[in-house]
Protein backbone atom coordinates (compact mmCIF):
# COMPACT_ATOMS: atom_id res chain seq x y z
CA MET A 1 -44.34 42.28 -10.95
CA ASN A 2 -46.52 39.44 -9.90
CA THR A 3 -45.71 37.16 -7.04
CA ALA A 4 -44.00 34.55 -9.21
CA GLU A 5 -41.72 37.16 -10.77
CA TRP A 6 -40.80 38.57 -7.36
CA ILE A 7 -39.95 35.11 -6.10
CA SER A 8 -37.79 34.47 -9.18
CA PHE A 9 -36.05 37.85 -8.81
CA ILE A 10 -35.37 37.23 -5.13
CA GLY A 11 -33.96 33.80 -5.98
CA VAL A 12 -31.51 35.37 -8.44
CA ILE A 13 -30.46 37.99 -5.91
CA VAL A 14 -29.97 35.37 -3.21
CA GLY A 15 -28.08 33.03 -5.52
CA PHE A 16 -25.73 35.71 -6.90
CA PRO A 17 -23.47 35.98 -3.82
CA ALA A 18 -23.25 32.19 -3.64
CA GLY A 19 -22.05 32.14 -7.25
CA ILE A 20 -19.48 34.81 -6.50
CA VAL A 21 -18.31 32.78 -3.50
CA SER A 22 -18.00 29.66 -5.69
CA VAL A 23 -15.95 31.57 -8.25
CA LEU A 24 -13.74 32.95 -5.52
CA ILE A 25 -13.25 29.45 -4.08
CA LEU A 26 -12.29 28.13 -7.53
CA LEU A 27 -9.88 31.02 -8.05
CA LYS A 28 -8.38 30.36 -4.66
CA LYS A 29 -7.95 26.69 -5.52
CA ASP A 30 -6.36 27.62 -8.84
CA LYS A 31 -3.94 29.92 -7.07
CA LYS A 32 -3.10 27.15 -4.62
CA ARG A 33 -2.53 24.75 -7.49
CA GLU A 34 -0.44 27.35 -9.25
CA ALA A 35 1.67 27.77 -6.13
CA GLU A 36 1.99 24.01 -5.85
CA LEU A 37 3.01 23.76 -9.50
CA LYS A 38 5.59 26.48 -9.00
CA ASN A 39 6.90 24.62 -5.97
CA PHE A 40 7.08 21.36 -7.93
CA GLU A 41 8.79 23.18 -10.76
CA LYS A 42 11.32 24.59 -8.32
CA ILE A 43 11.96 21.11 -6.87
CA ALA A 44 12.30 19.64 -10.37
CA ASN A 45 14.83 22.34 -11.32
CA GLU A 46 16.85 21.71 -8.17
CA SER A 47 16.74 17.98 -8.81
CA ALA A 48 17.94 18.51 -12.39
CA LYS A 49 20.80 20.68 -11.14
CA GLN A 50 21.82 18.04 -8.60
CA THR A 51 21.63 15.29 -11.23
CA LYS A 52 23.79 17.32 -13.59
CA TYR A 53 26.28 18.01 -10.80
CA LEU A 54 26.44 14.33 -9.85
CA ALA A 55 26.89 13.33 -13.49
CA GLU A 56 29.80 15.78 -13.78
CA GLN A 57 31.32 14.40 -10.57
CA VAL A 58 31.02 10.82 -11.85
CA LYS A 59 32.62 11.88 -15.14
CA GLU A 60 35.52 13.49 -13.26
CA MET A 61 35.94 10.38 -11.10
CA GLN A 62 36.03 8.19 -14.21
CA LYS A 63 38.68 10.43 -15.75
CA ASP A 64 40.69 10.29 -12.53
CA ASN A 65 40.37 6.49 -12.33
CA ASN A 66 41.40 6.12 -15.97
CA PHE A 67 44.42 8.34 -15.34
CA LYS A 68 45.41 6.31 -12.27
CA ALA A 69 44.95 3.05 -14.19
CA GLU A 70 47.23 4.33 -16.96
CA GLN A 71 49.83 5.41 -14.39
CA ILE A 72 49.73 2.00 -12.69
CA LYS A 73 50.02 0.25 -16.06
CA LYS A 74 52.94 2.47 -17.01
CA ALA A 75 54.64 1.92 -13.64
CA THR A 76 54.13 -1.85 -13.92
CA THR A 77 55.62 -1.87 -17.40
CA GLU A 78 58.57 0.22 -16.26
CA GLU A 79 59.07 -2.04 -13.24
CA LYS A 80 59.11 -5.18 -15.42
CA LYS A 81 61.53 -3.53 -17.82
CA ARG A 82 63.78 -2.50 -14.94
CA LYS A 83 63.75 -6.02 -13.46
CA GLU A 84 64.78 -7.54 -16.78
CA GLN A 85 67.59 -5.02 -17.14
CA ILE A 86 69.14 -5.81 -13.73
CA LYS A 87 68.27 -9.51 -13.43
CA PRO A 88 71.09 -11.87 -12.33
CA TYR A 89 71.36 -15.29 -13.96
CA PHE A 90 73.73 -18.03 -12.83
CA LYS A 91 75.03 -20.89 -14.95
CA ILE A 92 77.27 -23.83 -14.08
CA GLU A 93 80.78 -23.60 -15.46
CA GLY A 94 81.37 -26.64 -17.65
CA ASN A 95 77.93 -28.04 -16.69
CA THR A 96 79.59 -30.84 -14.64
CA PRO A 97 80.89 -30.89 -11.05
CA GLY A 98 84.55 -31.30 -10.23
CA VAL A 99 85.03 -34.43 -8.10
CA ASP A 100 87.96 -35.20 -5.81
CA LEU A 101 87.55 -38.89 -4.89
CA LYS A 102 90.47 -38.78 -2.47
CA LEU A 103 89.01 -35.93 -0.44
CA ASN A 104 85.49 -37.22 -1.11
CA ILE A 105 84.23 -33.82 -2.17
CA ALA A 106 82.74 -32.27 -5.28
CA SER A 107 82.56 -28.67 -6.36
CA LEU A 108 80.51 -26.50 -8.67
CA THR A 109 81.48 -23.12 -10.02
CA LEU A 110 78.58 -20.81 -10.74
CA ILE A 111 79.08 -18.00 -13.25
CA ASN A 112 76.84 -14.95 -13.19
CA ASN A 113 75.71 -14.33 -16.77
CA GLY A 114 73.33 -11.59 -15.65
CA GLU A 115 73.70 -8.44 -13.60
CA TYR A 116 74.79 -7.82 -10.00
CA ALA A 117 73.66 -10.38 -7.42
CA GLN A 118 74.07 -10.66 -3.70
CA LEU A 119 74.07 -14.31 -2.60
CA ARG A 120 71.95 -15.00 0.47
CA GLU A 121 71.72 -18.72 1.24
CA TYR A 122 70.80 -22.05 -0.25
CA GLU A 123 67.81 -24.26 0.53
CA GLU A 124 67.95 -28.06 0.39
CA ASN A 125 65.15 -30.15 -1.08
CA GLU A 126 64.09 -33.55 0.31
CA GLU A 127 65.94 -35.58 -2.33
CA ASN A 128 69.23 -33.79 -1.64
CA ASN A 129 71.76 -36.08 0.11
CA VAL A 130 74.89 -33.94 0.16
CA LYS A 131 76.15 -31.12 2.33
CA VAL A 132 76.59 -27.86 0.46
CA VAL A 133 79.02 -25.14 1.50
CA LEU A 134 79.37 -21.79 -0.22
CA LEU A 135 83.12 -21.18 -0.31
CA THR A 136 82.88 -17.71 -1.82
CA ASN A 137 83.80 -15.15 0.83
CA LYS A 138 82.47 -12.30 -1.24
CA ARG A 139 78.71 -12.63 -1.50
CA GLU A 140 78.39 -9.89 -4.11
CA VAL A 141 78.82 -11.24 -7.64
CA ASP A 142 78.84 -8.95 -10.69
CA PHE A 143 78.43 -9.92 -14.34
CA GLY A 144 81.03 -12.56 -15.23
CA GLY A 145 81.82 -13.14 -11.57
CA SER A 146 81.80 -16.59 -10.00
CA ALA A 147 80.73 -18.35 -6.82
CA LEU A 148 82.21 -21.69 -5.70
CA LEU A 149 80.05 -24.35 -4.07
CA GLN A 150 81.66 -27.34 -2.35
CA MET A 151 79.73 -30.49 -1.58
CA GLY A 152 80.45 -33.40 0.71
CA PRO A 153 78.52 -36.52 1.81
CA ASN A 154 76.00 -36.34 4.63
CA ASN A 155 77.97 -38.96 6.58
CA ASN A 156 81.53 -40.28 6.49
CA ASP A 157 80.49 -43.68 5.11
CA SER A 158 78.96 -42.23 1.96
CA LYS A 159 80.79 -41.54 -1.27
CA ILE A 160 80.30 -38.11 -2.80
CA ILE A 161 80.36 -39.70 -6.25
CA ASN A 162 76.98 -41.25 -5.39
CA GLY A 163 75.57 -37.94 -4.28
CA ILE A 164 72.27 -36.60 -5.53
CA ILE A 165 72.11 -32.84 -5.68
CA SER A 166 68.81 -30.99 -5.21
CA PHE A 167 68.96 -27.52 -3.70
CA GLN A 168 68.45 -23.93 -4.71
CA ILE A 169 70.63 -20.88 -4.38
CA CYS A 170 68.96 -17.65 -3.30
CA TYR A 171 70.08 -14.12 -4.07
CA ILE A 172 68.84 -10.56 -4.59
CA ASP A 173 69.46 -8.04 -7.34
CA GLU A 174 70.56 -4.44 -6.79
CA ASP A 175 66.98 -3.31 -6.15
CA GLY A 176 66.40 -6.01 -3.55
CA ASN A 177 64.23 -8.29 -5.71
CA ALA A 178 64.74 -11.88 -4.53
CA TYR A 179 65.37 -14.85 -6.82
CA ALA A 180 66.04 -18.56 -6.49
CA GLN A 181 67.61 -21.05 -8.92
CA LYS A 182 67.28 -24.79 -8.46
CA ILE A 183 70.36 -26.98 -9.01
CA ALA A 184 69.71 -30.70 -9.36
CA GLY A 185 71.18 -33.89 -10.76
CA SER A 186 73.49 -36.83 -10.15
CA ILE A 187 77.19 -36.24 -9.44
CA LYS A 188 78.06 -39.69 -10.78
CA LYS A 189 76.24 -39.15 -14.08
CA GLY A 190 77.49 -35.57 -14.28
CA ASN A 191 74.09 -34.33 -15.45
CA ILE A 192 73.81 -31.39 -13.08
CA GLN A 193 71.28 -28.83 -14.28
CA ILE A 194 70.57 -25.33 -13.09
CA HIS A 195 67.07 -24.01 -13.67
CA PRO A 196 66.21 -20.46 -14.75
CA PRO A 197 65.78 -17.96 -11.92
CA ILE A 198 62.36 -17.63 -10.33
CA GLU A 199 61.38 -14.47 -8.51
CA VAL A 200 60.59 -15.09 -4.84
CA ILE A 201 57.83 -12.87 -3.47
């Protein structure tokens, strides 16, 4: 070999280990990347599992909420039905008050056309100018039962015939639901009206 060939040969020999080292470095990097990819793949799989689990939990919660909503709806419907079945409803007997001019009093007889009621009290409105007394000793009134209300003037100088009625009777049904019915009108004109019951919450 001449000098140039020896130099070339030596260059190859010297460069060979460097090439091997480069290959080894690349392989090492590939292995590192492979490990990283495996790690990412593991994380992705875990994330997918958690997402699936959460989706199943949400689905179960929706089913539970739907079930509860149906139960509430059913209970509300049953409650309304029950209230209608046991609702009291008072009407005025004859639709006009009985007036005793000599005693200066008037009276109204209320008939329960609904179910059981327990009378509580009455509440006067501003336009009411008579005194109202519930004469019924028994506060519990069943279907067809009656309650007598007696009315007198607010002062001795007034005439009951000129009285203006405006008050409401209050009562509860057998389940304790509270109701009120307004009674209003002129005693003189005899146009006393009783309004439908309104539930008091």
